[in-house]
Amino acid sequence: MPRIFVRLSMLLPLLSFMSFRPAPSHAPTKLRLSIALLHAAALTAPRGATDATDGPYFLVSILGPRTKTETIHLPATGHLTIHEDEALDARDLMDLSLEPGDTVRLLVSVLEGKKALDAGEAAAAAASTKALSQPAAMRAGTISSALAPITEEGSHWLGSATLVLTNEAGTVYWRALECVATCNVLSGGAATAFPESSTAPVAGVVELTGSGGTYHMKLQGART
């Protein structure tokens, strides 16, 4: 009997270890976000008789994962050039690494202006970040105040939209694409899981109608 007791005593720690092994963890999911398309159905107004182009640019504010914040000016310097009924090619926006439990919120504002206001545009993007942690009803007012210094200098605000991405127990979702101001979601508003083991993109399109213009912007994400 004592010998059997000793053997059982030796096995108990092993059995305990086997019973309480932690569940397998999920590796972070890497995504690449891009502005897949920007189409100018109608240019901003007012404009001179010989003015045939707009100078659009993007101010992007990011909240997450966790408490991380970041801003992006696209293009990195200056503005783009677009004609009426022209569509600009895709541009990479950012790379993300999402662990289970992570949430990332993006605010994408599209503006237009011939005059580049580098310092003012960077400050406007940073001030806009506050809107991402506010109730939906307060966001438009916060963004309007953040953009006021550059719109007063001549930039035209076409509109803003938010995108939420989540990693829920290893499944990554394009959780919500929503409009904030002078914007309408045309596609991609419903929650959609990114396909497993696939680089097939998930995308959404919004129509922006501020400052007399009509633009279509396609946001896209894919595993890398």
C-alpha atoms as a PDB file:
ATOM      1  CA  MET A   1       0.000   0.000   0.000  1.00  0.00           C
ATOM      2  CA  PRO A   2       2.696   2.581   0.827  1.00  0.00           C
ATOM      3  CA  ARG A   3       4.399   1.889  -2.527  1.00  0.00           C
ATOM      4  CA  ILE A   4       1.136   2.481  -4.432  1.00  0.00           C
ATOM      5  CA  PHE A   5       0.572   5.681  -2.476  1.00  0.00           C
ATOM      6  CA  VAL A   6       4.041   6.962  -3.401  1.00  0.00           C
ATOM      7  CA  ARG A   7       3.466   6.239  -7.088  1.00  0.00           C
ATOM      8  CA  LEU A   8       0.145   8.048  -7.066  1.00  0.00           C
ATOM      9  CA  SER A   9       1.749  10.993  -5.292  1.00  0.00           C
ATOM     10  CA  MET A  10       4.345  11.219  -8.033  1.00  0.00           C
ATOM     11  CA  LEU A  11       1.654  11.190 -10.750  1.00  0.00           C
ATOM     12  CA  LEU A  12      -0.584  13.871  -9.216  1.00  0.00           C
ATOM     13  CA  PRO A  13       1.577  16.872 -10.203  1.00  0.00           C
ATOM     14  CA  LEU A  14       1.758  15.562 -13.799  1.00  0.00           C
ATOM     15  CA  LEU A  15      -2.004  15.005 -13.968  1.00  0.00           C
ATOM     16  CA  SER A  16      -2.582  18.463 -12.506  1.00  0.00           C
ATOM     17  CA  PHE A  17      -0.289  20.046 -15.129  1.00  0.00           C
ATOM     18  CA  MET A  18      -2.049  18.199 -17.956  1.00  0.00           C
ATOM     19  CA  SER A  19      -5.495  19.242 -16.684  1.00  0.00           C
ATOM     20  CA  PHE A  20      -4.670  22.941 -16.421  1.00  0.00           C
ATOM     21  CA  ARG A  21      -2.638  23.554 -19.543  1.00  0.00           C
ATOM     22  CA  PRO A  22      -3.569  26.961 -21.031  1.00  0.00           C
ATOM     23  CA  ALA A  23      -5.660  26.958 -24.198  1.00  0.00           C
ATOM     24  CA  PRO A  24      -3.676  27.478 -27.421  1.00  0.00           C
ATOM     25  CA  SER A  25      -3.210  31.193 -28.140  1.00  0.00           C
ATOM     26  CA  HIS A  26      -3.979  32.793 -31.505  1.00  0.00           C
ATOM     27  CA  ALA A  27      -1.192  34.483 -33.413  1.00  0.00           C
ATOM     28  CA  PRO A  28      -1.724  38.165 -34.252  1.00  0.00           C
ATOM     29  CA  THR A  29      -3.503  38.789 -37.542  1.00  0.00           C
ATOM     30  CA  LYS A  30      -1.751  41.160 -39.922  1.00  0.00           C
ATOM     31  CA  LEU A  31      -3.834  43.390 -42.179  1.00  0.00           C
ATOM     32  CA  ARG A  32      -3.043  45.999 -44.801  1.00  0.00           C
ATOM     33  CA  LEU A  33      -5.518  48.857 -45.213  1.00  0.00           C
ATOM     34  CA  SER A  34      -5.694  50.968 -48.340  1.00  0.00           C
ATOM     35  CA  ILE A  35      -7.645  53.681 -50.080  1.00  0.00           C
ATOM     36  CA  ALA A  36      -8.605  51.438 -52.973  1.00  0.00           C
ATOM     37  CA  LEU A  37     -10.276  54.187 -54.997  1.00  0.00           C
ATOM     38  CA  LEU A  38     -11.108  57.889 -54.949  1.00  0.00           C
ATOM     39  CA  HIS A  39     -13.503  59.020 -57.676  1.00  0.00           C
ATOM     40  CA  ALA A  40     -14.606  62.613 -58.264  1.00  0.00           C
ATOM     41  CA  ALA A  41     -18.119  62.532 -59.704  1.00  0.00           C
ATOM     42  CA  ALA A  42     -18.333  66.317 -59.222  1.00  0.00           C
ATOM     43  CA  LEU A  43     -15.638  68.779 -58.168  1.00  0.00           C
ATOM     44  CA  THR A  44     -15.968  71.142 -55.227  1.00  0.00           C
ATOM     45  CA  ALA A  45     -17.489  74.611 -55.593  1.00  0.00           C
ATOM     46  CA  PRO A  46     -17.153  77.513 -56.069  1.00  0.00           C
ATOM     47  CA  ARG A  47     -14.395  77.574 -58.678  1.00  0.00           C
ATOM     48  CA  GLY A  48     -13.125  79.790 -61.445  1.00  0.00           C
ATOM     49  CA  ALA A  49     -14.009  79.254 -65.085  1.00  0.00           C
ATOM     50  CA  THR A  50     -10.509  77.929 -65.863  1.00  0.00           C
ATOM     51  CA  ASP A  51     -10.158  75.770 -62.735  1.00  0.00           C
ATOM     52  CA  ALA A  52     -10.569  72.172 -63.933  1.00  0.00           C
ATOM     53  CA  THR A  53      -9.065  70.192 -61.047  1.00  0.00           C
ATOM     54  CA  ASP A  54      -9.379  69.558 -57.306  1.00  0.00           C
ATOM     55  CA  GLY A  55      -6.538  68.979 -54.856  1.00  0.00           C
ATOM     56  CA  PRO A  56      -7.865  66.219 -52.541  1.00  0.00           C
ATOM     57  CA  TYR A  57      -6.056  64.751 -49.540  1.00  0.00           C
ATOM     58  CA  PHE A  58      -6.819  62.450 -46.618  1.00  0.00           C
ATOM     59  CA  LEU A  59      -6.453  63.084 -42.895  1.00  0.00           C
ATOM     60  CA  VAL A  60      -6.626  59.803 -40.957  1.00  0.00           C
ATOM     61  CA  SER A  61      -6.846  59.453 -37.173  1.00  0.00           C
ATOM     62  CA  ILE A  62      -6.345  56.023 -35.577  1.00  0.00           C
ATOM     63  CA  LEU A  63      -7.252  54.867 -32.072  1.00  0.00           C
ATOM     64  CA  GLY A  64      -5.970  51.437 -31.021  1.00  0.00           C
ATOM     65  CA  PRO A  65      -4.950  48.788 -30.491  1.00  0.00           C
ATOM     66  CA  ARG A  66      -5.528  49.567 -26.810  1.00  0.00           C
ATOM     67  CA  THR A  67      -4.467  53.159 -26.033  1.00  0.00           C
ATOM     68  CA  LYS A  68      -2.258  53.711 -29.081  1.00  0.00           C
ATOM     69  CA  THR A  69      -3.044  56.765 -31.238  1.00  0.00           C
ATOM     70  CA  GLU A  70      -1.655  57.719 -34.638  1.00  0.00           C
ATOM     71  CA  THR A  71      -2.383  60.126 -37.486  1.00  0.00           C
ATOM     72  CA  ILE A  72      -1.678  59.848 -41.203  1.00  0.00           C
ATOM     73  CA  HIS A  73      -1.607  62.492 -43.939  1.00  0.00           C
ATOM     74  CA  LEU A  74      -2.086  60.959 -47.393  1.00  0.00           C
ATOM     75  CA  PRO A  75      -0.161  61.811 -49.499  1.00  0.00           C
ATOM     76  CA  ALA A  76       2.683  62.283 -47.023  1.00  0.00           C
ATOM     77  CA  THR A  77       3.245  65.830 -48.296  1.00  0.00           C
ATOM     78  CA  GLY A  78       1.167  68.115 -50.469  1.00  0.00           C
ATOM     79  CA  HIS A  79      -2.098  67.191 -52.149  1.00  0.00           C
ATOM     80  CA  LEU A  80      -3.267  64.995 -55.004  1.00  0.00           C
ATOM     81  CA  THR A  81      -4.703  66.230 -58.290  1.00  0.00           C
ATOM     82  CA  ILE A  82      -7.999  64.959 -59.701  1.00  0.00           C
ATOM     83  CA  HIS A  83     -10.247  65.933 -62.640  1.00  0.00           C
ATOM     84  CA  GLU A  84     -14.007  65.605 -62.792  1.00  0.00           C
ATOM     85  CA  ASP A  85     -15.062  61.963 -63.332  1.00  0.00           C
ATOM     86  CA  GLU A  86     -11.498  60.786 -62.717  1.00  0.00           C
ATOM     87  CA  ALA A  87     -10.649  57.867 -60.408  1.00  0.00           C
ATOM     88  CA  LEU A  88      -7.274  57.788 -58.663  1.00  0.00           C
ATOM     89  CA  ASP A  89      -5.376  54.525 -58.215  1.00  0.00           C
ATOM     90  CA  ALA A  90      -5.155  52.611 -54.943  1.00  0.00           C
ATOM     91  CA  ARG A  91      -2.842  53.875 -52.197  1.00  0.00           C
ATOM     92  CA  ASP A  92      -1.643  51.934 -49.166  1.00  0.00           C
ATOM     93  CA  LEU A  93      -2.846  53.454 -45.922  1.00  0.00           C
ATOM     94  CA  MET A  94      -1.319  51.404 -43.078  1.00  0.00           C
ATOM     95  CA  ASP A  95      -0.380  47.942 -41.805  1.00  0.00           C
ATOM     96  CA  LEU A  96      -1.979  46.570 -38.633  1.00  0.00           C
ATOM     97  CA  SER A  97      -1.270  43.662 -36.299  1.00  0.00           C
ATOM     98  CA  LEU A  98      -4.359  42.670 -34.302  1.00  0.00           C
ATOM     99  CA  GLU A  99      -4.211  40.299 -31.349  1.00  0.00           C
ATOM    100  CA  PRO A 100      -7.332  38.653 -29.861  1.00  0.00           C
ATOM    101  CA  GLY A 101      -9.290  41.297 -27.985  1.00  0.00           C
ATOM    102  CA  ASP A 102      -7.860  44.213 -30.008  1.00  0.00           C
ATOM    103  CA  THR A 103     -10.045  46.932 -31.507  1.00  0.00           C
ATOM    104  CA  VAL A 104      -8.857  49.606 -33.942  1.00  0.00           C
ATOM    105  CA  ARG A 105     -10.951  52.632 -34.889  1.00  0.00           C
ATOM    106  CA  LEU A 106     -10.124  54.819 -37.882  1.00  0.00           C
ATOM    107  CA  LEU A 107     -11.502  58.208 -38.831  1.00  0.00           C
ATOM    108  CA  VAL A 108     -10.941  59.116 -42.484  1.00  0.00           C
ATOM    109  CA  SER A 109     -11.625  62.706 -43.506  1.00  0.00           C
ATOM    110  CA  VAL A 110     -11.353  63.794 -47.145  1.00  0.00           C
ATOM    111  CA  LEU A 111     -10.501  67.411 -47.840  1.00  0.00           C
ATOM    112  CA  GLU A 112      -9.588  69.472 -50.867  1.00  0.00           C
ATOM    113  CA  GLY A 113      -7.430  72.529 -51.331  1.00  0.00           C
ATOM    114  CA  LYS A 114      -4.874  73.950 -53.709  1.00  0.00           C
ATOM    115  CA  LYS A 115      -2.803  75.366 -50.852  1.00  0.00           C
ATOM    116  CA  ALA A 116      -0.937  72.857 -48.669  1.00  0.00           C
ATOM    117  CA  LEU A 117      -1.116  73.716 -44.950  1.00  0.00           C
ATOM    118  CA  ASP A 118       1.258  71.073 -43.629  1.00  0.00           C
ATOM    119  CA  ALA A 119       1.428  72.065 -39.950  1.00  0.00           C
ATOM    120  CA  GLY A 120      -2.268  72.949 -39.795  1.00  0.00           C
ATOM    121  CA  GLU A 121      -3.327  69.713 -41.490  1.00  0.00           C
ATOM    122  CA  ALA A 122      -1.237  67.611 -39.084  1.00  0.00           C
ATOM    123  CA  ALA A 123      -2.745  69.454 -36.116  1.00  0.00           C
ATOM    124  CA  ALA A 124      -6.268  68.971 -37.505  1.00  0.00           C
ATOM    125  CA  ALA A 125      -5.745  65.211 -37.849  1.00  0.00           C
ATOM    126  CA  ALA A 126      -4.466  64.983 -34.267  1.00  0.00           C
ATOM    127  CA  ALA A 127      -7.385  67.028 -32.901  1.00  0.00           C
ATOM    128  CA  SER A 128      -9.866  64.860 -34.830  1.00  0.00           C
ATOM    129  CA  THR A 129      -8.715  61.751 -32.925  1.00  0.00           C
ATOM    130  CA  LYS A 130     -10.832  62.841 -29.955  1.00  0.00           C
ATOM    131  CA  ALA A 131     -13.978  62.093 -31.968  1.00  0.00           C
ATOM    132  CA  LEU A 132     -13.178  58.362 -32.024  1.00  0.00           C
ATOM    133  CA  SER A 133     -13.775  58.008 -28.283  1.00  0.00           C
ATOM    134  CA  GLN A 134     -17.006  60.044 -28.300  1.00  0.00           C
ATOM    135  CA  PRO A 135     -20.657  59.035 -28.840  1.00  0.00           C
ATOM    136  CA  ALA A 136     -21.686  59.097 -32.496  1.00  0.00           C
ATOM    137  CA  ALA A 137     -23.908  62.159 -32.008  1.00  0.00           C
ATOM    138  CA  MET A 138     -20.938  64.280 -30.923  1.00  0.00           C
ATOM    139  CA  ARG A 139     -18.421  63.289 -33.581  1.00  0.00           C
ATOM    140  CA  ALA A 140     -19.390  65.633 -36.406  1.00  0.00           C
ATOM    141  CA  GLY A 141     -19.153  68.681 -34.166  1.00  0.00           C
ATOM    142  CA  THR A 142     -15.774  67.625 -32.791  1.00  0.00           C
ATOM    143  CA  ILE A 143     -14.348  67.020 -36.263  1.00  0.00           C
ATOM    144  CA  SER A 144     -15.745  70.311 -37.554  1.00  0.00           C
ATOM    145  CA  SER A 145     -13.987  72.160 -34.735  1.00  0.00           C
ATOM    146  CA  ALA A 146     -10.744  70.250 -35.351  1.00  0.00           C
ATOM    147  CA  LEU A 147     -10.797  71.091 -39.067  1.00  0.00           C
ATOM    148  CA  ALA A 148     -11.869  74.737 -38.619  1.00  0.00           C
ATOM    149  CA  PRO A 149      -8.313  76.182 -38.683  1.00  0.00           C
ATOM    150  CA  ILE A 150      -7.661  74.724 -42.141  1.00  0.00           C
ATOM    151  CA  THR A 151     -11.149  75.202 -43.622  1.00  0.00           C
ATOM    152  CA  GLU A 152     -10.897  78.865 -42.624  1.00  0.00           C
ATOM    153  CA  GLU A 153      -7.679  78.966 -44.663  1.00  0.00           C
ATOM    154  CA  GLY A 154      -9.428  77.676 -47.772  1.00  0.00           C
ATOM    155  CA  SER A 155      -9.545  73.871 -47.502  1.00  0.00           C
ATOM    156  CA  HIS A 156     -12.875  72.256 -48.445  1.00  0.00           C
ATOM    157  CA  TRP A 157     -14.216  69.444 -46.245  1.00  0.00           C
ATOM    158  CA  LEU A 158     -15.850  66.743 -48.379  1.00  0.00           C
ATOM    159  CA  GLY A 159     -16.803  64.448 -45.495  1.00  0.00           C
ATOM    160  CA  SER A 160     -15.662  61.925 -42.895  1.00  0.00           C
ATOM    161  CA  ALA A 161     -16.281  58.244 -42.173  1.00  0.00           C
ATOM    162  CA  THR A 162     -15.225  55.812 -39.452  1.00  0.00           C
ATOM    163  CA  LEU A 163     -14.092  52.195 -39.739  1.00  0.00           C
ATOM    164  CA  VAL A 164     -13.907  49.723 -36.840  1.00  0.00           C
ATOM    165  CA  LEU A 165     -11.794  46.550 -36.982  1.00  0.00           C
ATOM    166  CA  THR A 166     -11.791  43.877 -34.251  1.00  0.00           C
ATOM    167  CA  ASN A 167     -10.082  40.608 -33.427  1.00  0.00           C
ATOM    168  CA  GLU A 168     -12.556  38.432 -31.546  1.00  0.00           C
ATOM    169  CA  ALA A 169     -10.980  35.208 -30.263  1.00  0.00           C
ATOM    170  CA  GLY A 170      -8.827  34.958 -33.386  1.00  0.00           C
ATOM    171  CA  THR A 171     -11.519  35.905 -35.902  1.00  0.00           C
ATOM    172  CA  VAL A 172     -10.886  39.345 -37.403  1.00  0.00           C
ATOM    173  CA  TYR A 173     -13.873  41.468 -38.409  1.00  0.00           C
ATOM    174  CA  TRP A 174     -14.502  44.487 -40.577  1.00  0.00           C
ATOM    175  CA  ARG A 175     -16.920  45.411 -37.805  1.00  0.00           C
ATOM    176  CA  ALA A 176     -18.500  48.699 -38.924  1.00  0.00           C
ATOM    177  CA  LEU A 177     -18.149  51.328 -41.647  1.00  0.00           C
ATOM    178  CA  GLU A 178     -20.165  54.410 -40.690  1.00  0.00           C
ATOM    179  CA  CYS A 179     -20.590  57.975 -41.889  1.00  0.00           C
ATOM    180  CA  VAL A 180     -19.942  60.985 -39.669  1.00  0.00           C
ATOM    181  CA  ALA A 181     -20.572  64.057 -41.846  1.00  0.00           C
ATOM    182  CA  THR A 182     -21.793  64.753 -45.426  1.00  0.00           C
ATOM    183  CA  CYS A 183     -21.412  61.061 -46.190  1.00  0.00           C
ATOM    184  CA  ASN A 184     -23.483  58.033 -47.189  1.00  0.00           C
ATOM    185  CA  VAL A 185     -22.408  54.367 -46.953  1.00  0.00           C
ATOM    186  CA  LEU A 186     -22.984  52.650 -50.306  1.00  0.00           C
ATOM    187  CA  SER A 187     -21.503  49.243 -49.395  1.00  0.00           C
ATOM    188  CA  GLY A 188     -19.513  47.517 -46.662  1.00  0.00           C
ATOM    189  CA  GLY A 189     -21.584  48.775 -43.750  1.00  0.00           C
ATOM    190  CA  ALA A 190     -22.371  45.335 -42.307  1.00  0.00           C
ATOM    191  CA  ALA A 191     -20.027  43.328 -40.082  1.00  0.00           C
ATOM    192  CA  THR A 192     -17.893  40.943 -42.174  1.00  0.00           C
ATOM    193  CA  ALA A 193     -15.243  38.442 -41.098  1.00  0.00           C
ATOM    194  CA  PHE A 194     -11.966  38.422 -43.000  1.00  0.00           C
ATOM    195  CA  PRO A 195     -11.624  35.027 -44.724  1.00  0.00           C
ATOM    196  CA  GLU A 196      -9.324  32.578 -42.932  1.00  0.00           C
ATOM    197  CA  SER A 197      -6.075  31.737 -44.724  1.00  0.00           C
ATOM    198  CA  SER A 198      -6.948  34.065 -47.587  1.00  0.00           C
ATOM    199  CA  THR A 199      -5.803  37.430 -48.844  1.00  0.00           C
ATOM    200  CA  ALA A 200      -9.234  38.156 -50.341  1.00  0.00           C
ATOM    201  CA  PRO A 201     -10.053  41.777 -49.437  1.00  0.00           C
ATOM    202  CA  VAL A 202     -12.998  43.151 -47.491  1.00  0.00           C
ATOM    203  CA  ALA A 203     -14.083  46.606 -48.654  1.00  0.00           C
ATOM    204  CA  GLY A 204     -16.666  49.340 -48.353  1.00  0.00           C
ATOM    205  CA  VAL A 205     -17.618  52.423 -50.370  1.00  0.00           C
ATOM    206  CA  VAL A 206     -18.871  55.785 -49.124  1.00  0.00           C
ATOM    207  CA  GLU A 207     -20.159  58.801 -51.022  1.00  0.00           C
ATOM    208  CA  LEU A 208     -18.958  62.201 -49.788  1.00  0.00           C
ATOM    209  CA  THR A 209     -20.950  65.307 -50.693  1.00  0.00           C
ATOM    210  CA  GLY A 210     -19.473  68.239 -48.761  1.00  0.00           C
ATOM    211  CA  SER A 211     -18.391  71.603 -50.188  1.00  0.00           C
ATOM    212  CA  GLY A 212     -20.436  71.166 -53.354  1.00  0.00           C
ATOM    213  CA  GLY A 213     -18.512  68.109 -54.526  1.00  0.00           C
ATOM    214  CA  THR A 214     -19.439  64.452 -54.912  1.00  0.00           C
ATOM    215  CA  TYR A 215     -16.681  61.915 -54.296  1.00  0.00           C
ATOM    216  CA  HIS A 216     -16.676  58.145 -53.928  1.00  0.00           C
ATOM    217  CA  MET A 217     -14.091  56.580 -51.635  1.00  0.00           C
ATOM    218  CA  LYS A 218     -13.420  52.847 -51.346  1.00  0.00           C
ATOM    219  CA  LEU A 219     -11.676  51.594 -48.209  1.00  0.00           C
ATOM    220  CA  GLN A 220     -10.195  48.115 -48.309  1.00  0.00           C
ATOM    221  CA  GLY A 221      -8.473  45.675 -45.956  1.00  0.00           C
ATOM    222  CA  ALA A 222      -6.748  42.352 -46.607  1.00  0.00           C
ATOM    223  CA  ARG A 223      -4.608  39.844 -44.723  1.00  0.00           C
ATOM    224  CA  THR A 224      -0.899  39.988 -45.425  1.00  0.00           C
END
